[in-house]
Amino acid sequence: LHPLSLEPQGLQNSVIDSYCNRQYTTSYKKDAENRTMAYLDHFYPKSKFQLYSLSLYNFIPSCANCNSRFKIDRNIDILFPYEQGFDDDAYFKVVPTAPFDIKSLIGTSNEFEIDIHVNEHSTFKDKIEGNIEMFELKSIYQSHKQYVRDLLYKTTAYSPKYKKMLNEVFDEKMTELQFRLFLFGYTGSESELHNKPLSKLTNDILRDYDF
């Protein structure tokens, strides 16, 4: 499944909600029975597409909020997660509301907004904007400012000197991917995009700051 509506991954034991990329849709076993915490969203609503009401290809695993609070039967055109995603057509971006130095972001500074920039020339522009509107993505992602502040502050430690110090501490040479994982909790690989929450936000912010 695409995060924020990558390549289709099917129903795994634990995937991230493809609509918001914030919540896990986890499955588990109890009394030898398979159970799931995911809501199965009928992408094409049963009221209009009765033929698809029992089709597995119409079931999108989603968290409770996306399924019941946001995605009610509304007439908004959105991306079908089995086929399309935000990819590079839309990305998260830090937009300062006042001049700041990255080092000043540690603590409680709120002098920035988390924006989602949509490529004006994208083939899926209208559907991407539909996702943003339906799931209130610009609004709900403001709650992750503390996470973004911490992420940006960590970029100031991303230096050959710091990496050399870590190699001396651990008595072994860390690869670039190991260093990124240690510092940010992410390596930037595509597999993380459907296995870790806020993965697209993390990758977009770090890429924007050349990390």
Protein backbone atom coordinates (compact mmCIF):
# COMPACT_ATOMS: atom_id res chain seq x y z
CA LEU A 1 0.00 0.00 0.00
CA HIS A 2 1.10 3.54 -0.66
CA PRO A 3 1.87 5.66 2.37
CA LEU A 4 -0.13 8.86 2.07
CA SER A 5 -2.00 7.20 -0.42
CA LEU A 6 4.88 3.15 -2.61
CA GLU A 7 4.26 -0.06 -4.36
CA PRO A 8 1.29 -2.22 -3.29
CA GLN A 9 2.38 -4.37 -0.36
CA GLY A 10 -0.80 -6.33 0.34
CA LEU A 11 -2.03 -7.19 3.83
CA GLN A 12 1.02 -7.63 6.04
CA ASN A 13 1.16 -8.25 9.80
CA SER A 14 1.87 -4.60 10.41
CA VAL A 15 1.60 -1.80 7.88
CA ILE A 16 1.11 1.92 8.20
CA ASP A 17 -2.21 3.46 7.32
CA SER A 18 -1.95 4.35 3.64
CA TYR A 19 -4.06 7.46 4.03
CA CYS A 20 -2.31 9.28 6.89
CA ASN A 21 1.06 7.43 7.27
CA ARG A 22 0.77 7.98 11.04
CA GLN A 23 -0.95 4.94 12.55
CA TYR A 24 -0.23 1.20 12.49
CA THR A 25 -2.85 -1.21 11.15
CA THR A 26 -1.62 -4.28 13.03
CA SER A 27 -2.82 -7.88 12.89
CA TYR A 28 -2.39 -10.44 15.66
CA LYS A 29 -3.48 -13.92 16.75
CA LYS A 30 -5.81 -14.78 19.61
CA ASP A 31 -7.13 -18.27 20.37
CA ALA A 32 -5.51 -19.47 17.11
CA GLU A 33 -7.58 -16.94 15.15
CA ASN A 34 -6.20 -14.12 13.03
CA ARG A 35 -7.43 -10.74 14.13
CA THR A 36 -6.66 -7.20 13.10
CA MET A 37 -6.73 -3.72 14.55
CA ALA A 38 -7.25 -2.29 11.07
CA TYR A 39 -10.53 -1.05 9.74
CA LEU A 40 -11.23 -2.30 6.23
CA ASP A 41 -12.31 0.71 4.25
CA HIS A 42 -14.45 0.18 1.17
CA PHE A 43 -12.57 2.54 -1.15
CA TYR A 44 -15.46 2.57 -3.60
CA PRO A 45 -18.49 3.02 -1.30
CA LYS A 46 -20.93 0.14 -0.98
CA SER A 47 -23.85 2.45 -1.54
CA LYS A 48 -22.73 3.25 -5.08
CA PHE A 49 -20.59 0.23 -6.05
CA GLN A 50 -22.43 -2.79 -4.66
CA LEU A 51 -20.56 -5.14 -7.00
CA TYR A 52 -17.31 -4.17 -5.23
CA SER A 53 -18.66 -4.54 -1.69
CA LEU A 54 -16.98 -7.95 -1.18
CA SER A 55 -13.98 -7.49 -3.46
CA LEU A 56 -10.62 -7.81 -1.69
CA TYR A 57 -9.21 -5.24 -4.11
CA ASN A 58 -11.66 -2.70 -2.72
CA PHE A 59 -10.63 -3.23 0.94
CA ILE A 60 -8.06 -0.68 2.14
CA PRO A 61 -6.64 -1.29 5.65
CA SER A 62 -6.87 1.98 7.54
CA CYS A 63 -6.85 3.27 11.09
CA ALA A 64 -10.08 4.07 12.88
CA ASN A 65 -9.72 7.82 12.49
CA CYS A 66 -9.16 7.80 8.74
CA ASN A 67 -11.95 5.30 8.14
CA SER A 68 -14.69 6.55 10.41
CA ARG A 69 -13.86 10.17 11.22
CA PHE A 70 -12.54 11.46 7.90
CA LYS A 71 -13.47 9.10 5.08
CA ILE A 72 -17.21 9.19 5.26
CA ASP A 73 -19.13 8.94 2.00
CA ARG A 74 -17.97 12.33 0.74
CA ASN A 75 -17.82 13.40 -2.86
CA ILE A 76 -14.07 14.04 -2.97
CA ASP A 77 -11.78 12.38 -5.54
CA ILE A 78 -8.76 10.79 -3.81
CA LEU A 79 -5.88 8.47 -4.70
CA PHE A 80 -6.45 4.71 -4.85
CA PRO A 81 -3.60 3.38 -2.67
CA TYR A 82 -3.12 0.16 -4.65
CA GLU A 83 -2.23 2.20 -7.74
CA GLN A 84 -1.03 5.68 -6.80
CA GLY A 85 0.85 7.54 -4.11
CA PHE A 86 2.18 10.99 -3.30
CA ASP A 87 5.70 9.88 -4.29
CA ASP A 88 7.60 12.98 -5.49
CA ASP A 89 4.43 14.71 -6.67
CA ALA A 90 3.81 15.97 -3.14
CA TYR A 91 6.17 16.37 -0.22
CA PHE A 92 6.35 17.77 3.30
CA LYS A 93 8.21 21.01 3.76
CA VAL A 94 9.17 23.19 6.72
CA VAL A 95 7.93 26.74 6.17
CA PRO A 96 9.40 29.30 8.62
CA THR A 97 6.99 31.93 9.94
CA ALA A 98 9.95 33.94 11.30
CA PRO A 99 13.73 33.87 10.69
CA PHE A 100 15.40 31.09 12.65
CA ASP A 101 18.58 29.08 12.95
CA ILE A 102 18.13 25.30 13.01
CA LYS A 103 19.91 25.14 16.39
CA SER A 104 17.26 27.43 17.87
CA LEU A 105 14.55 24.87 17.12
CA ILE A 106 15.45 22.78 20.14
CA GLY A 107 12.81 23.26 22.83
CA THR A 108 9.44 24.79 22.05
CA SER A 109 9.91 27.08 19.05
CA ASN A 110 6.77 27.18 16.92
CA GLU A 111 8.00 29.65 14.34
CA PHE A 112 7.33 27.33 11.43
CA GLU A 113 4.54 25.37 9.78
CA ILE A 114 4.57 21.88 8.28
CA ASP A 115 3.29 22.30 4.74
CA ILE A 116 2.55 19.79 1.98
CA HIS A 117 3.76 21.07 -1.37
CA VAL A 118 1.94 19.67 -4.43
CA ASN A 119 3.61 19.72 -7.85
CA GLU A 120 1.44 21.87 -10.09
CA HIS A 121 2.27 19.63 -13.07
CA SER A 122 1.43 16.34 -11.38
CA THR A 123 -0.95 14.05 -13.24
CA PHE A 124 -2.63 13.27 -9.91
CA LYS A 125 -2.70 16.86 -8.58
CA ASP A 126 -6.46 16.96 -8.02
CA LYS A 127 -6.53 13.56 -6.29
CA ILE A 128 -3.56 14.43 -4.07
CA GLU A 129 -5.27 17.63 -3.01
CA GLY A 130 -8.39 15.54 -2.41
CA ASN A 131 -6.43 13.35 0.03
CA ILE A 132 -5.04 16.40 1.80
CA GLU A 133 -8.51 17.88 2.14
CA MET A 134 -10.39 14.72 3.12
CA PHE A 135 -7.94 13.56 5.78
CA GLU A 136 -7.11 17.08 7.02
CA LEU A 137 -3.42 16.27 6.54
CA LYS A 138 -2.06 19.82 6.76
CA SER A 139 -3.88 20.39 10.02
CA ILE A 140 -3.17 17.10 11.79
CA TYR A 141 0.53 17.13 10.85
CA GLN A 142 1.02 20.35 12.81
CA SER A 143 0.82 18.12 15.90
CA HIS A 144 4.21 16.67 14.87
CA LYS A 145 6.14 19.93 15.21
CA GLN A 146 8.11 18.62 18.19
CA TYR A 147 9.19 15.62 16.12
CA VAL A 148 10.27 17.87 13.23
CA ARG A 149 12.11 20.21 15.62
CA ASP A 150 14.07 17.27 17.02
CA LEU A 151 14.75 15.96 13.53
CA LEU A 152 16.12 19.27 12.29
CA TYR A 153 18.23 19.75 15.40
CA LYS A 154 19.82 16.34 14.87
CA THR A 155 20.93 17.44 11.40
CA THR A 156 23.33 19.86 13.09
CA ALA A 157 25.16 16.83 14.53
CA TYR A 158 25.41 15.20 11.10
CA SER A 159 29.10 15.77 10.47
CA PRO A 160 32.25 13.74 9.73
CA LYS A 161 33.59 14.75 13.17
CA TYR A 162 30.53 13.36 14.97
CA LYS A 163 30.59 10.20 12.88
CA LYS A 164 34.31 9.69 13.67
CA MET A 165 33.56 10.07 17.38
CA LEU A 166 30.81 7.43 17.21
CA ASN A 167 33.10 5.04 15.36
CA GLU A 168 35.66 5.42 18.15
CA VAL A 169 33.02 4.85 20.84
CA PHE A 170 31.63 1.72 19.22
CA ASP A 171 35.09 0.55 18.16
CA GLU A 172 33.90 -0.16 14.64
CA LYS A 173 33.25 1.78 11.49
CA MET A 174 29.59 2.62 10.95
CA THR A 175 28.21 2.55 7.44
CA GLU A 176 26.29 5.53 6.15
CA LEU A 177 22.99 3.68 6.58
CA GLN A 178 23.88 2.65 10.15
CA PHE A 179 24.80 6.23 10.98
CA ARG A 180 21.49 7.55 9.61
CA LEU A 181 19.58 4.88 11.52
CA PHE A 182 21.42 5.73 14.74
CA LEU A 183 20.89 9.46 14.38
CA PHE A 184 17.45 9.74 12.83
CA GLY A 185 15.87 6.31 13.31
CA TYR A 186 15.48 6.01 9.53
CA THR A 187 17.76 5.01 6.66
CA GLY A 188 15.63 6.44 3.85
CA SER A 189 14.90 3.07 2.23
CA GLU A 190 11.56 2.48 0.51
CA SER A 191 10.74 -0.44 2.81
CA GLU A 192 10.47 1.98 5.72
CA LEU A 193 7.76 3.94 3.97
CA HIS A 194 5.13 1.33 4.78
CA ASN A 195 6.70 -0.07 7.98
CA LYS A 196 7.44 3.04 10.04
CA PRO A 197 5.04 5.84 10.95
CA LEU A 198 5.83 9.35 9.73
CA SER A 199 8.31 7.85 7.27
CA LYS A 200 7.44 10.13 4.36
CA LEU A 201 7.52 13.20 6.59
CA THR A 202 10.97 12.15 7.85
CA ASN A 203 12.40 11.40 4.42
CA ASP A 204 11.03 14.59 2.87
CA ILE A 205 12.35 16.85 5.64
CA LEU A 206 15.80 15.24 5.66
CA ARG A 207 16.03 15.33 1.87
CA ASP A 208 15.07 19.00 1.89
CA TYR A 209 18.03 19.65 4.19
CA ASP A 210 20.37 17.49 2.06
CA PHE A 211 20.54 14.53 4.43
